[in-house]
Amino acid sequence: MVDTIGGMDDNEFRERSDIALSKVAKWLEDLDPDEVDYTTADGVVTIEFAGGAKFILSRQSQMKQMWLAAGSHGFHYSWDAARRLWLDDKDGHELFPGLAEAISEQLGHPVEF
């Protein structure tokens, strides 16, 4: 049986979410390791800050979404096939700029994705 929640099957979702997680990890490599560190596990990127704060970006296979827990905020991103972007369910912002904004707020200075 093909699951089409979110307009894609399980394999396509895994592929798209893996690409997004890899892109985030690659981007984090360029940030100052004294300010931001990260670890990856299957379907999860954990972002840790010098002050002890932690953000978690994770694949939610059941919901076909990417979830970002950033401090007291939670964001749920769904794949928009027409625009080929991960978009937030509430206000429609894109995953990567949204993550950069959350990290910028945490660090107290701007970073761009």
Protein backbone atom coordinates (compact mmCIF):
# COMPACT_ATOMS: atom_id res chain seq x y z
CA MET A 1 0.00 0.00 0.00
CA VAL A 2 1.31 3.46 -0.91
CA ASP A 3 0.89 6.12 1.74
CA THR A 4 0.20 9.46 0.10
CA ILE A 5 -0.12 11.74 3.13
CA GLY A 6 1.61 14.94 2.17
CA GLY A 7 1.43 13.97 -1.50
CA MET A 8 4.43 11.62 -1.45
CA ASP A 9 5.18 8.03 -0.59
CA ASP A 10 7.47 6.92 2.25
CA ASN A 11 10.56 6.58 0.04
CA GLU A 12 10.17 10.04 -1.49
CA PHE A 13 9.60 11.55 1.94
CA ARG A 14 12.73 9.85 3.32
CA GLU A 15 14.77 11.05 0.35
CA ARG A 16 13.52 14.65 0.59
CA SER A 17 13.95 14.80 4.37
CA ASP A 18 17.46 13.28 4.14
CA ILE A 19 18.42 15.96 1.61
CA ALA A 20 17.10 18.69 3.93
CA LEU A 21 18.89 17.28 6.99
CA SER A 22 22.16 16.92 5.07
CA LYS A 23 21.84 20.47 3.78
CA VAL A 24 21.35 21.76 7.33
CA ALA A 25 24.34 19.77 8.65
CA LYS A 26 26.57 21.05 5.82
CA TRP A 27 25.49 24.64 6.53
CA LEU A 28 26.14 24.26 10.26
CA GLU A 29 29.73 23.22 9.49
CA ASP A 30 30.43 26.81 8.41
CA LEU A 31 29.19 28.38 11.66
CA ASP A 32 31.57 29.17 14.51
CA PRO A 33 32.01 25.91 16.48
CA ASP A 34 32.56 27.96 19.66
CA GLU A 35 28.98 29.24 19.27
CA VAL A 36 27.15 26.36 17.59
CA ASP A 37 27.83 22.64 17.51
CA TYR A 38 25.71 19.90 16.01
CA THR A 39 25.31 16.16 15.85
CA THR A 40 23.40 14.01 13.41
CA ALA A 41 21.58 10.74 13.85
CA ASP A 42 19.10 8.94 11.61
CA GLY A 43 16.52 11.58 10.76
CA VAL A 44 17.71 14.12 13.37
CA VAL A 45 20.07 17.09 13.55
CA THR A 46 20.66 18.31 17.10
CA ILE A 47 22.02 21.86 17.31
CA GLU A 48 23.71 22.86 20.57
CA PHE A 49 24.71 26.36 21.60
CA ALA A 50 27.55 27.48 23.87
CA GLY A 51 25.02 28.69 26.46
CA GLY A 52 23.45 25.23 26.72
CA ALA A 53 20.37 25.78 24.55
CA LYS A 54 19.48 23.00 22.12
CA PHE A 55 17.42 22.97 18.92
CA ILE A 56 16.28 19.75 17.26
CA LEU A 57 15.34 19.33 13.60
CA SER A 58 13.78 15.93 13.00
CA ARG A 59 12.04 13.87 10.39
CA GLN A 60 8.49 12.91 11.39
CA SER A 61 7.77 10.02 9.04
CA GLN A 62 4.26 9.35 10.33
CA MET A 63 3.21 12.94 9.55
CA LYS A 64 5.45 13.36 6.47
CA GLN A 65 6.83 16.53 8.04
CA MET A 66 10.07 18.05 9.30
CA TRP A 67 9.75 19.37 12.85
CA LEU A 68 11.95 22.02 14.42
CA ALA A 69 12.02 22.45 18.19
CA ALA A 70 13.77 25.78 18.73
CA GLY A 71 13.67 26.97 22.33
CA SER A 72 10.05 27.51 23.29
CA HIS A 73 8.94 27.40 19.64
CA GLY A 74 7.87 24.42 17.59
CA PHE A 75 7.55 24.46 13.82
CA HIS A 76 6.08 21.84 11.49
CA TYR A 77 7.21 21.92 7.86
CA SER A 78 5.44 20.13 5.03
CA TRP A 79 6.83 19.60 1.54
CA ASP A 80 5.26 21.87 -1.07
CA ALA A 81 5.74 19.94 -4.32
CA ALA A 82 4.72 22.88 -6.53
CA ARG A 83 7.31 25.23 -4.99
CA ARG A 84 9.76 22.41 -4.09
CA LEU A 85 10.21 23.81 -0.57
CA TRP A 86 9.59 22.79 3.04
CA LEU A 87 6.98 25.28 4.31
CA ASP A 88 5.72 25.94 7.84
CA ASP A 89 2.11 24.88 8.47
CA LYS A 90 1.23 28.06 10.37
CA ASP A 91 2.66 31.02 8.47
CA GLY A 92 4.18 29.44 5.37
CA HIS A 93 7.81 30.46 5.95
CA GLU A 94 10.54 28.28 4.46
CA LEU A 95 12.51 25.83 6.59
CA PHE A 96 16.05 27.03 5.87
CA PRO A 97 15.55 30.79 6.33
CA GLY A 98 13.36 30.03 9.37
CA LEU A 99 16.13 27.95 10.93
CA ALA A 100 18.68 30.69 10.21
CA GLU A 101 16.39 33.24 11.88
CA ALA A 102 15.92 31.06 14.98
CA ILE A 103 19.69 30.49 15.25
CA SER A 104 20.34 34.22 14.73
CA GLU A 105 17.97 35.04 17.60
CA GLN A 106 19.70 32.48 19.82
CA LEU A 107 23.20 33.78 18.99
CA GLY A 108 22.29 37.47 19.13
CA HIS A 109 23.71 38.17 15.67
CA PRO A 110 22.58 37.36 12.13
CA VAL A 111 23.48 34.21 10.25
CA GLU A 112 22.22 33.40 6.77
CA PHE A 113 21.46 30.06 5.25
